[in-house]
Amino acid sequence: AGFKLVTAMALESMPWRRFRFVLA
């Protein structure tokens, strides 16, 4: 898979407002 593995394992950064909501 090459570097596709990195994208498969990584989670996308969220905007702060959504991040706070999902974290809660």
mmCIF file of all heavy atoms, coordinates in Angstrom:
data_MODEL
# 
_entry.id   MODEL 
# 
loop_
_atom_site.group_PDB 
_atom_site.id 
_atom_site.type_symbol 
_atom_site.label_atom_id 
_atom_site.label_alt_id 
_atom_site.label_comp_id 
_atom_site.label_asym_id 
_atom_site.label_entity_id 
_atom_site.label_seq_id 
_atom_site.pdbx_PDB_ins_code 
_atom_site.Cartn_x 
_atom_site.Cartn_y 
_atom_site.Cartn_z 
_atom_site.occupancy 
_atom_site.B_iso_or_equiv 
_atom_site.pdbx_formal_charge 
_atom_site.auth_seq_id 
_atom_site.auth_comp_id 
_atom_site.auth_asym_id 
_atom_site.auth_atom_id 
_atom_site.pdbx_PDB_model_num 
ATOM 1   N N   . ALA A 1 1  ? 0.802   -1.231 0.000  1.00 0.00 ? 1  ALA A N   1 
ATOM 2   C CA  . ALA A 1 1  ? 0.000   0.000  0.000  1.00 0.00 ? 1  ALA A CA  1 
ATOM 3   C C   . ALA A 1 1  ? 0.826   1.268  0.000  1.00 0.00 ? 1  ALA A C   1 
ATOM 4   O O   . ALA A 1 1  ? 0.315   2.337  -0.302 1.00 0.00 ? 1  ALA A O   1 
ATOM 5   C CB  . ALA A 1 1  ? -0.940  0.001  1.213  1.00 0.00 ? 1  ALA A CB  1 
ATOM 6   N N   . GLY A 1 2  ? 2.110   1.182  0.371  1.00 0.00 ? 2  GLY A N   1 
ATOM 7   C CA  . GLY A 1 2  ? 2.936   2.371  0.428  1.00 0.00 ? 2  GLY A CA  1 
ATOM 8   C C   . GLY A 1 2  ? 2.413   3.373  1.426  1.00 0.00 ? 2  GLY A C   1 
ATOM 9   O O   . GLY A 1 2  ? 2.011   3.020  2.542  1.00 0.00 ? 2  GLY A O   1 
ATOM 10  N N   . PHE A 1 3  ? 2.384   4.636  1.035  1.00 0.00 ? 3  PHE A N   1 
ATOM 11  C CA  . PHE A 1 3  ? 1.946   5.685  1.945  1.00 0.00 ? 3  PHE A CA  1 
ATOM 12  C C   . PHE A 1 3  ? 0.432   5.684  2.164  1.00 0.00 ? 3  PHE A C   1 
ATOM 13  O O   . PHE A 1 3  ? -0.071  6.424  3.009  1.00 0.00 ? 3  PHE A O   1 
ATOM 14  C CB  . PHE A 1 3  ? 2.378   7.065  1.417  1.00 0.00 ? 3  PHE A CB  1 
ATOM 15  C CG  . PHE A 1 3  ? 3.846   7.307  1.553  1.00 0.00 ? 3  PHE A CG  1 
ATOM 16  C CD1 . PHE A 1 3  ? 4.677   7.230  0.456  1.00 0.00 ? 3  PHE A CD1 1 
ATOM 17  C CD2 . PHE A 1 3  ? 4.400   7.586  2.793  1.00 0.00 ? 3  PHE A CD2 1 
ATOM 18  C CE1 . PHE A 1 3  ? 6.039   7.440  0.577  1.00 0.00 ? 3  PHE A CE1 1 
ATOM 19  C CE2 . PHE A 1 3  ? 5.755   7.804  2.931  1.00 0.00 ? 3  PHE A CE2 1 
ATOM 20  C CZ  . PHE A 1 3  ? 6.587   7.725  1.821  1.00 0.00 ? 3  PHE A CZ  1 
ATOM 21  N N   . LYS A 1 4  ? -0.303  4.847  1.414  1.00 0.00 ? 4  LYS A N   1 
ATOM 22  C CA  . LYS A 1 4  ? -1.732  4.732  1.675  1.00 0.00 ? 4  LYS A CA  1 
ATOM 23  C C   . LYS A 1 4  ? -1.992  4.201  3.076  1.00 0.00 ? 4  LYS A C   1 
ATOM 24  O O   . LYS A 1 4  ? -3.022  4.475  3.679  1.00 0.00 ? 4  LYS A O   1 
ATOM 25  C CB  . LYS A 1 4  ? -2.387  3.810  0.647  1.00 0.00 ? 4  LYS A CB  1 
ATOM 26  C CG  . LYS A 1 4  ? -2.425  4.376  -0.766 1.00 0.00 ? 4  LYS A CG  1 
ATOM 27  C CD  . LYS A 1 4  ? -3.106  3.403  -1.712 1.00 0.00 ? 4  LYS A CD  1 
ATOM 28  C CE  . LYS A 1 4  ? -3.146  3.961  -3.129 1.00 0.00 ? 4  LYS A CE  1 
ATOM 29  N NZ  . LYS A 1 4  ? -3.791  3.004  -4.067 1.00 0.00 ? 4  LYS A NZ  1 
ATOM 30  N N   . LEU A 1 5  ? -1.020  3.417  3.600  1.00 0.00 ? 5  LEU A N   1 
ATOM 31  C CA  . LEU A 1 5  ? -1.170  2.897  4.959  1.00 0.00 ? 5  LEU A CA  1 
ATOM 32  C C   . LEU A 1 5  ? -1.233  4.032  5.964  1.00 0.00 ? 5  LEU A C   1 
ATOM 33  O O   . LEU A 1 5  ? -2.011  3.987  6.917  1.00 0.00 ? 5  LEU A O   1 
ATOM 34  C CB  . LEU A 1 5  ? -0.005  1.965  5.302  1.00 0.00 ? 5  LEU A CB  1 
ATOM 35  C CG  . LEU A 1 5  ? 0.068   1.477  6.748  1.00 0.00 ? 5  LEU A CG  1 
ATOM 36  C CD1 . LEU A 1 5  ? -1.138  0.620  7.074  1.00 0.00 ? 5  LEU A CD1 1 
ATOM 37  C CD2 . LEU A 1 5  ? 1.352   0.715  6.997  1.00 0.00 ? 5  LEU A CD2 1 
ATOM 38  N N   . VAL A 1 6  ? -0.428  5.053  5.759  1.00 0.00 ? 6  VAL A N   1 
ATOM 39  C CA  . VAL A 1 6  ? -0.411  6.181  6.688  1.00 0.00 ? 6  VAL A CA  1 
ATOM 40  C C   . VAL A 1 6  ? -1.764  6.866  6.714  1.00 0.00 ? 6  VAL A C   1 
ATOM 41  O O   . VAL A 1 6  ? -2.313  7.178  7.780  1.00 0.00 ? 6  VAL A O   1 
ATOM 42  C CB  . VAL A 1 6  ? 0.695   7.180  6.307  1.00 0.00 ? 6  VAL A CB  1 
ATOM 43  C CG1 . VAL A 1 6  ? 0.684   8.381  7.242  1.00 0.00 ? 6  VAL A CG1 1 
ATOM 44  C CG2 . VAL A 1 6  ? 2.054   6.495  6.317  1.00 0.00 ? 6  VAL A CG2 1 
ATOM 45  N N   . THR A 1 7  ? -2.335  7.097  5.534  1.00 0.00 ? 7  THR A N   1 
ATOM 46  C CA  . THR A 1 7  ? -3.643  7.748  5.482  1.00 0.00 ? 7  THR A CA  1 
ATOM 47  C C   . THR A 1 7  ? -4.733  6.851  6.033  1.00 0.00 ? 7  THR A C   1 
ATOM 48  O O   . THR A 1 7  ? -5.715  7.327  6.597  1.00 0.00 ? 7  THR A O   1 
ATOM 49  C CB  . THR A 1 7  ? -3.978  8.149  4.040  1.00 0.00 ? 7  THR A CB  1 
ATOM 50  O OG1 . THR A 1 7  ? -3.954  6.974  3.216  1.00 0.00 ? 7  THR A OG1 1 
ATOM 51  C CG2 . THR A 1 7  ? -2.955  9.140  3.514  1.00 0.00 ? 7  THR A CG2 1 
ATOM 52  N N   . ALA A 1 8  ? -4.561  5.538  5.893  1.00 0.00 ? 8  ALA A N   1 
ATOM 53  C CA  . ALA A 1 8  ? -5.564  4.610  6.425  1.00 0.00 ? 8  ALA A CA  1 
ATOM 54  C C   . ALA A 1 8  ? -5.527  4.586  7.946  1.00 0.00 ? 8  ALA A C   1 
ATOM 55  O O   . ALA A 1 8  ? -6.561  4.443  8.595  1.00 0.00 ? 8  ALA A O   1 
ATOM 56  C CB  . ALA A 1 8  ? -5.335  3.210  5.871  1.00 0.00 ? 8  ALA A CB  1 
ATOM 57  N N   . MET A 1 9  ? -4.331  4.708  8.524  1.00 0.00 ? 9  MET A N   1 
ATOM 58  C CA  . MET A 1 9  ? -4.186  4.634  9.973  1.00 0.00 ? 9  MET A CA  1 
ATOM 59  C C   . MET A 1 9  ? -4.437  5.974  10.649 1.00 0.00 ? 9  MET A C   1 
ATOM 60  O O   . MET A 1 9  ? -4.792  6.033  11.823 1.00 0.00 ? 9  MET A O   1 
ATOM 61  C CB  . MET A 1 9  ? -2.792  4.124  10.336 1.00 0.00 ? 9  MET A CB  1 
ATOM 62  C CG  . MET A 1 9  ? -2.528  2.691  9.906  1.00 0.00 ? 9  MET A CG  1 
ATOM 63  S SD  . MET A 1 9  ? -0.803  2.200  10.075 1.00 0.00 ? 9  MET A SD  1 
ATOM 64  C CE  . MET A 1 9  ? -0.547  2.424  11.826 1.00 0.00 ? 9  MET A CE  1 
ATOM 65  N N   . ALA A 1 10 ? -4.224  7.056  9.941  1.00 0.00 ? 10 ALA A N   1 
ATOM 66  C CA  . ALA A 1 10 ? -4.347  8.382  10.546 1.00 0.00 ? 10 ALA A CA  1 
ATOM 67  C C   . ALA A 1 10 ? -5.802  8.838  10.577 1.00 0.00 ? 10 ALA A C   1 
ATOM 68  O O   . ALA A 1 10 ? -6.590  8.508  9.691  1.00 0.00 ? 10 ALA A O   1 
ATOM 69  C CB  . ALA A 1 10 ? -3.500  9.388  9.776  1.00 0.00 ? 10 ALA A CB  1 
ATOM 70  N N   . LEU A 1 11 ? -6.133  9.592  11.603 1.00 0.00 ? 11 LEU A N   1 
ATOM 71  C CA  . LEU A 1 11 ? -7.448  10.198 11.708 1.00 0.00 ? 11 LEU A CA  1 
ATOM 72  C C   . LEU A 1 11 ? -7.356  11.661 11.294 1.00 0.00 ? 11 LEU A C   1 
ATOM 73  O O   . LEU A 1 11 ? -6.385  12.348 11.601 1.00 0.00 ? 11 LEU A O   1 
ATOM 74  C CB  . LEU A 1 11 ? -7.980  10.091 13.143 1.00 0.00 ? 11 LEU A CB  1 
ATOM 75  C CG  . LEU A 1 11 ? -8.210  8.670  13.670 1.00 0.00 ? 11 LEU A CG  1 
ATOM 76  C CD1 . LEU A 1 11 ? -8.625  8.726  15.138 1.00 0.00 ? 11 LEU A CD1 1 
ATOM 77  C CD2 . LEU A 1 11 ? -9.269  7.962  12.860 1.00 0.00 ? 11 LEU A CD2 1 
ATOM 78  N N   . GLU A 1 12 ? -8.378  12.133 10.609 1.00 0.00 ? 12 GLU A N   1 
ATOM 79  C CA  . GLU A 1 12 ? -8.373  13.498 10.105 1.00 0.00 ? 12 GLU A CA  1 
ATOM 80  C C   . GLU A 1 12 ? -8.589  14.492 11.241 1.00 0.00 ? 12 GLU A C   1 
ATOM 81  O O   . GLU A 1 12 ? -9.428  14.288 12.122 1.00 0.00 ? 12 GLU A O   1 
ATOM 82  C CB  . GLU A 1 12 ? -9.483  13.653 9.062  1.00 0.00 ? 12 GLU A CB  1 
ATOM 83  C CG  . GLU A 1 12 ? -9.504  15.011 8.397  1.00 0.00 ? 12 GLU A CG  1 
ATOM 84  C CD  . GLU A 1 12 ? -10.595 15.105 7.345  1.00 0.00 ? 12 GLU A CD  1 
ATOM 85  O OE1 . GLU A 1 12 ? -11.251 14.075 7.090  1.00 0.00 ? 12 GLU A OE1 1 
ATOM 86  O OE2 . GLU A 1 12 ? -10.783 16.204 6.794  1.00 0.00 ? 12 GLU A OE2 1 
ATOM 87  N N   . SER A 1 13 ? -7.803  15.566 11.223 1.00 0.00 ? 13 SER A N   1 
ATOM 88  C CA  . SER A 1 13 ? -7.971  16.606 12.242 1.00 0.00 ? 13 SER A CA  1 
ATOM 89  C C   . SER A 1 13 ? -9.315  17.301 12.056 1.00 0.00 ? 13 SER A C   1 
ATOM 90  O O   . SER A 1 13 ? -9.750  17.565 10.935 1.00 0.00 ? 13 SER A O   1 
ATOM 91  C CB  . SER A 1 13 ? -6.838  17.637 12.141 1.00 0.00 ? 13 SER A CB  1 
ATOM 92  O OG  . SER A 1 13 ? -5.595  17.031 12.424 1.00 0.00 ? 13 SER A OG  1 
ATOM 93  N N   . MET A 1 14 ? -9.966  17.600 13.186 1.00 0.00 ? 14 MET A N   1 
ATOM 94  C CA  . MET A 1 14 ? -11.290 18.218 13.148 1.00 0.00 ? 14 MET A CA  1 
ATOM 95  C C   . MET A 1 14 ? -11.184 19.706 13.466 1.00 0.00 ? 14 MET A C   1 
ATOM 96  O O   . MET A 1 14 ? -10.259 20.141 14.157 1.00 0.00 ? 14 MET A O   1 
ATOM 97  C CB  . MET A 1 14 ? -12.206 17.567 14.188 1.00 0.00 ? 14 MET A CB  1 
ATOM 98  C CG  . MET A 1 14 ? -12.382 16.079 14.057 1.00 0.00 ? 14 MET A CG  1 
ATOM 99  S SD  . MET A 1 14 ? -13.441 15.430 15.388 1.00 0.00 ? 14 MET A SD  1 
ATOM 100 C CE  . MET A 1 14 ? -13.336 13.666 15.076 1.00 0.00 ? 14 MET A CE  1 
ATOM 101 N N   . PRO A 1 15 ? -12.132 20.485 12.993 1.00 0.00 ? 15 PRO A N   1 
ATOM 102 C CA  . PRO A 1 15 ? -12.232 21.870 13.477 1.00 0.00 ? 15 PRO A CA  1 
ATOM 103 C C   . PRO A 1 15 ? -12.473 21.872 14.985 1.00 0.00 ? 15 PRO A C   1 
ATOM 104 O O   . PRO A 1 15 ? -13.067 20.938 15.533 1.00 0.00 ? 15 PRO A O   1 
ATOM 105 C CB  . PRO A 1 15 ? -13.442 22.429 12.705 1.00 0.00 ? 15 PRO A CB  1 
ATOM 106 C CG  . PRO A 1 15 ? -13.601 21.523 11.537 1.00 0.00 ? 15 PRO A CG  1 
ATOM 107 C CD  . PRO A 1 15 ? -13.135 20.173 11.964 1.00 0.00 ? 15 PRO A CD  1 
ATOM 108 N N   . TRP A 1 16 ? -12.020 22.922 15.653 1.00 0.00 ? 16 TRP A N   1 
ATOM 109 C CA  . TRP A 1 16 ? -12.083 22.942 17.110 1.00 0.00 ? 16 TRP A CA  1 
ATOM 110 C C   . TRP A 1 16 ? -13.499 22.761 17.640 1.00 0.00 ? 16 TRP A C   1 
ATOM 111 O O   . TRP A 1 16 ? -13.714 22.065 18.639 1.00 0.00 ? 16 TRP A O   1 
ATOM 112 C CB  . TRP A 1 16 ? -11.496 24.253 17.644 1.00 0.00 ? 16 TRP A CB  1 
ATOM 113 C CG  . TRP A 1 16 ? -10.005 24.231 17.735 1.00 0.00 ? 16 TRP A CG  1 
ATOM 114 C CD1 . TRP A 1 16 ? -9.107  24.884 16.932 1.00 0.00 ? 16 TRP A CD1 1 
ATOM 115 C CD2 . TRP A 1 16 ? -9.225  23.474 18.675 1.00 0.00 ? 16 TRP A CD2 1 
ATOM 116 N NE1 . TRP A 1 16 ? -7.822  24.590 17.309 1.00 0.00 ? 16 TRP A NE1 1 
ATOM 117 C CE2 . TRP A 1 16 ? -7.862  23.737 18.393 1.00 0.00 ? 16 TRP A CE2 1 
ATOM 118 C CE3 . TRP A 1 16 ? -9.531  22.623 19.727 1.00 0.00 ? 16 TRP A CE3 1 
ATOM 119 C CZ2 . TRP A 1 16 ? -6.833  23.169 19.123 1.00 0.00 ? 16 TRP A CZ2 1 
ATOM 120 C CZ3 . TRP A 1 16 ? -8.499  22.064 20.463 1.00 0.00 ? 16 TRP A CZ3 1 
ATOM 121 C CH2 . TRP A 1 16 ? -7.182  22.329 20.161 1.00 0.00 ? 16 TRP A CH2 1 
ATOM 122 N N   . ARG A 1 17 ? -14.484 23.371 16.989 1.00 0.00 ? 17 ARG A N   1 
ATOM 123 C CA  . ARG A 1 17 ? -15.851 23.269 17.496 1.00 0.00 ? 17 ARG A CA  1 
ATOM 124 C C   . ARG A 1 17 ? -16.342 21.825 17.431 1.00 0.00 ? 17 ARG A C   1 
ATOM 125 O O   . ARG A 1 17 ? -16.897 21.308 18.411 1.00 0.00 ? 17 ARG A O   1 
ATOM 126 C CB  . ARG A 1 17 ? -16.775 24.176 16.684 1.00 0.00 ? 17 ARG A CB  1 
ATOM 127 C CG  . ARG A 1 17 ? -18.238 24.113 17.127 1.00 0.00 ? 17 ARG A CG  1 
ATOM 128 C CD  . ARG A 1 17 ? -19.093 25.103 16.358 1.00 0.00 ? 17 ARG A CD  1 
ATOM 129 N NE  . ARG A 1 17 ? -18.679 26.474 16.617 1.00 0.00 ? 17 ARG A NE  1 
ATOM 130 C CZ  . ARG A 1 17 ? -19.251 27.541 16.065 1.00 0.00 ? 17 ARG A CZ  1 
ATOM 131 N NH1 . ARG A 1 17 ? -20.255 27.380 15.209 1.00 0.00 ? 17 ARG A NH1 1 
ATOM 132 N NH2 . ARG A 1 17 ? -18.826 28.754 16.347 1.00 0.00 ? 17 ARG A NH2 1 
ATOM 133 N N   . ARG A 1 18 ? -16.105 21.161 16.312 1.00 0.00 ? 18 ARG A N   1 
ATOM 134 C CA  . ARG A 1 18 ? -16.522 19.763 16.196 1.00 0.00 ? 18 ARG A CA  1 
ATOM 135 C C   . ARG A 1 18 ? -15.678 18.868 17.103 1.00 0.00 ? 18 ARG A C   1 
ATOM 136 O O   . ARG A 1 18 ? -16.180 17.916 17.694 1.00 0.00 ? 18 ARG A O   1 
ATOM 137 C CB  . ARG A 1 18 ? -16.412 19.305 14.732 1.00 0.00 ? 18 ARG A CB  1 
ATOM 138 C CG  . ARG A 1 18 ? -16.682 17.812 14.575 1.00 0.00 ? 18 ARG A CG  1 
ATOM 139 C CD  . ARG A 1 18 ? -16.942 17.418 13.142 1.00 0.00 ? 18 ARG A CD  1 
ATOM 140 N NE  . ARG A 1 18 ? -17.063 15.974 13.003 1.00 0.00 ? 18 ARG A NE  1 
ATOM 141 C CZ  . ARG A 1 18 ? -18.122 15.269 13.369 1.00 0.00 ? 18 ARG A CZ  1 
ATOM 142 N NH1 . ARG A 1 18 ? -19.163 15.889 13.903 1.00 0.00 ? 18 ARG A NH1 1 
ATOM 143 N NH2 . ARG A 1 18 ? -18.154 13.963 13.211 1.00 0.00 ? 18 ARG A NH2 1 
ATOM 144 N N   . PHE A 1 19 ? -14.391 19.187 17.217 1.00 0.00 ? 19 PHE A N   1 
ATOM 145 C CA  . PHE A 1 19 ? -13.514 18.384 18.075 1.00 0.00 ? 19 PHE A CA  1 
ATOM 146 C C   . PHE A 1 19 ? -14.008 18.393 19.514 1.00 0.00 ? 19 PHE A C   1 
ATOM 147 O O   . PHE A 1 19 ? -14.060 17.338 20.165 1.00 0.00 ? 19 PHE A O   1 
ATOM 148 C CB  . PHE A 1 19 ? -12.084 18.931 17.994 1.00 0.00 ? 19 PHE A CB  1 
ATOM 149 C CG  . PHE A 1 19 ? -11.158 18.339 19.012 1.00 0.00 ? 19 PHE A CG  1 
ATOM 150 C CD1 . PHE A 1 19 ? -10.704 17.029 18.884 1.00 0.00 ? 19 PHE A CD1 1 
ATOM 151 C CD2 . PHE A 1 19 ? -10.744 19.079 20.104 1.00 0.00 ? 19 PHE A CD2 1 
ATOM 152 C CE1 . PHE A 1 19 ? -9.844  16.479 19.830 1.00 0.00 ? 19 PHE A CE1 1 
ATOM 153 C CE2 . PHE A 1 19 ? -9.892  18.540 21.050 1.00 0.00 ? 19 PHE A CE2 1 
ATOM 154 C CZ  . PHE A 1 19 ? -9.442  17.236 20.912 1.00 0.00 ? 19 PHE A CZ  1 
ATOM 155 N N   . ARG A 1 20 ? -14.384 19.549 20.024 1.00 0.00 ? 20 ARG A N   1 
ATOM 156 C CA  . ARG A 1 20 ? -14.866 19.623 21.405 1.00 0.00 ? 20 ARG A CA  1 
ATOM 157 C C   . ARG A 1 20 ? -16.140 18.807 21.583 1.00 0.00 ? 20 ARG A C   1 
ATOM 158 O O   . ARG A 1 20 ? -16.322 18.124 22.601 1.00 0.00 ? 20 ARG A O   1 
ATOM 159 C CB  . ARG A 1 20 ? -15.103 21.085 21.798 1.00 0.00 ? 20 ARG A CB  1 
ATOM 160 C CG  . ARG A 1 20 ? -13.842 21.904 21.942 1.00 0.00 ? 20 ARG A CG  1 
ATOM 161 C CD  . ARG A 1 20 ? -14.118 23.211 22.675 1.00 0.00 ? 20 ARG A CD  1 
ATOM 162 N NE  . ARG A 1 20 ? -15.052 24.049 21.935 1.00 0.00 ? 20 ARG A NE  1 
ATOM 163 C CZ  . ARG A 1 20 ? -14.696 24.970 21.065 1.00 0.00 ? 20 ARG A CZ  1 
ATOM 164 N NH1 . ARG A 1 20 ? -13.405 25.182 20.817 1.00 0.00 ? 20 ARG A NH1 1 
ATOM 165 N NH2 . ARG A 1 20 ? -15.584 25.697 20.441 1.00 0.00 ? 20 ARG A NH2 1 
ATOM 166 N N   . PHE A 1 21 ? -17.022 18.864 20.594 1.00 0.00 ? 21 PHE A N   1 
ATOM 167 C CA  . PHE A 1 21 ? -18.279 18.129 20.679 1.00 0.00 ? 21 PHE A CA  1 
ATOM 168 C C   . PHE A 1 21 ? -18.036 16.625 20.657 1.00 0.00 ? 21 PHE A C   1 
ATOM 169 O O   . PHE A 1 21 ? -18.563 15.881 21.494 1.00 0.00 ? 21 PHE A O   1 
ATOM 170 C CB  . PHE A 1 21 ? -19.188 18.547 19.514 1.00 0.00 ? 21 PHE A CB  1 
ATOM 171 C CG  . PHE A 1 21 ? -20.472 17.774 19.438 1.00 0.00 ? 21 PHE A CG  1 
ATOM 172 C CD1 . PHE A 1 21 ? -21.519 18.048 20.306 1.00 0.00 ? 21 PHE A CD1 1 
ATOM 173 C CD2 . PHE A 1 21 ? -20.642 16.756 18.503 1.00 0.00 ? 21 PHE A CD2 1 
ATOM 174 C CE1 . PHE A 1 21 ? -22.709 17.332 20.240 1.00 0.00 ? 21 PHE A CE1 1 
ATOM 175 C CE2 . PHE A 1 21 ? -21.813 16.037 18.424 1.00 0.00 ? 21 PHE A CE2 1 
ATOM 176 C CZ  . PHE A 1 21 ? -22.851 16.337 19.302 1.00 0.00 ? 21 PHE A CZ  1 
ATOM 177 N N   . VAL A 1 22 ? -17.216 16.134 19.707 1.00 0.00 ? 22 VAL A N   1 
ATOM 178 C CA  . VAL A 1 22 ? -16.952 14.690 19.584 1.00 0.00 ? 22 VAL A CA  1 
ATOM 179 C C   . VAL A 1 22 ? -16.159 14.197 20.783 1.00 0.00 ? 22 VAL A C   1 
ATOM 180 O O   . VAL A 1 22 ? -16.385 13.084 21.282 1.00 0.00 ? 22 VAL A O   1 
ATOM 181 C CB  . VAL A 1 22 ? -16.212 14.400 18.267 1.00 0.00 ? 22 VAL A CB  1 
ATOM 182 C CG1 . VAL A 1 22 ? -15.876 12.919 18.154 1.00 0.00 ? 22 VAL A CG1 1 
ATOM 183 C CG2 . VAL A 1 22 ? -17.056 14.829 17.077 1.00 0.00 ? 22 VAL A CG2 1 
ATOM 184 N N   . LEU A 1 23 ? -15.226 15.012 21.278 1.00 0.00 ? 23 LEU A N   1 
ATOM 185 C CA  . LEU A 1 23 ? -14.447 14.618 22.456 1.00 0.00 ? 23 LEU A CA  1 
ATOM 186 C C   . LEU A 1 23 ? -15.355 14.444 23.663 1.00 0.00 ? 23 LEU A C   1 
ATOM 187 O O   . LEU A 1 23 ? -15.209 13.475 24.437 1.00 0.00 ? 23 LEU A O   1 
ATOM 188 C CB  . LEU A 1 23 ? -13.377 15.663 22.742 1.00 0.00 ? 23 LEU A CB  1 
ATOM 189 C CG  . LEU A 1 23 ? -12.490 15.395 23.962 1.00 0.00 ? 23 LEU A CG  1 
ATOM 190 C CD1 . LEU A 1 23 ? -11.668 14.134 23.758 1.00 0.00 ? 23 LEU A CD1 1 
ATOM 191 C CD2 . LEU A 1 23 ? -11.589 16.600 24.246 1.00 0.00 ? 23 LEU A CD2 1 
ATOM 192 N N   . ALA A 1 24 ? -16.294 15.365 23.838 1.00 0.00 ? 24 ALA A N   1 
ATOM 193 C CA  . ALA A 1 24 ? -17.231 15.251 24.967 1.00 0.00 ? 24 ALA A CA  1 
ATOM 194 C C   . ALA A 1 24 ? -18.066 13.973 24.842 1.00 0.00 ? 24 ALA A C   1 
ATOM 195 O O   . ALA A 1 24 ? -18.313 13.278 25.829 1.00 0.00 ? 24 ALA A O   1 
ATOM 196 C CB  . ALA A 1 24 ? -18.130 16.481 25.023 1.00 0.00 ? 24 ALA A CB  1 
# 
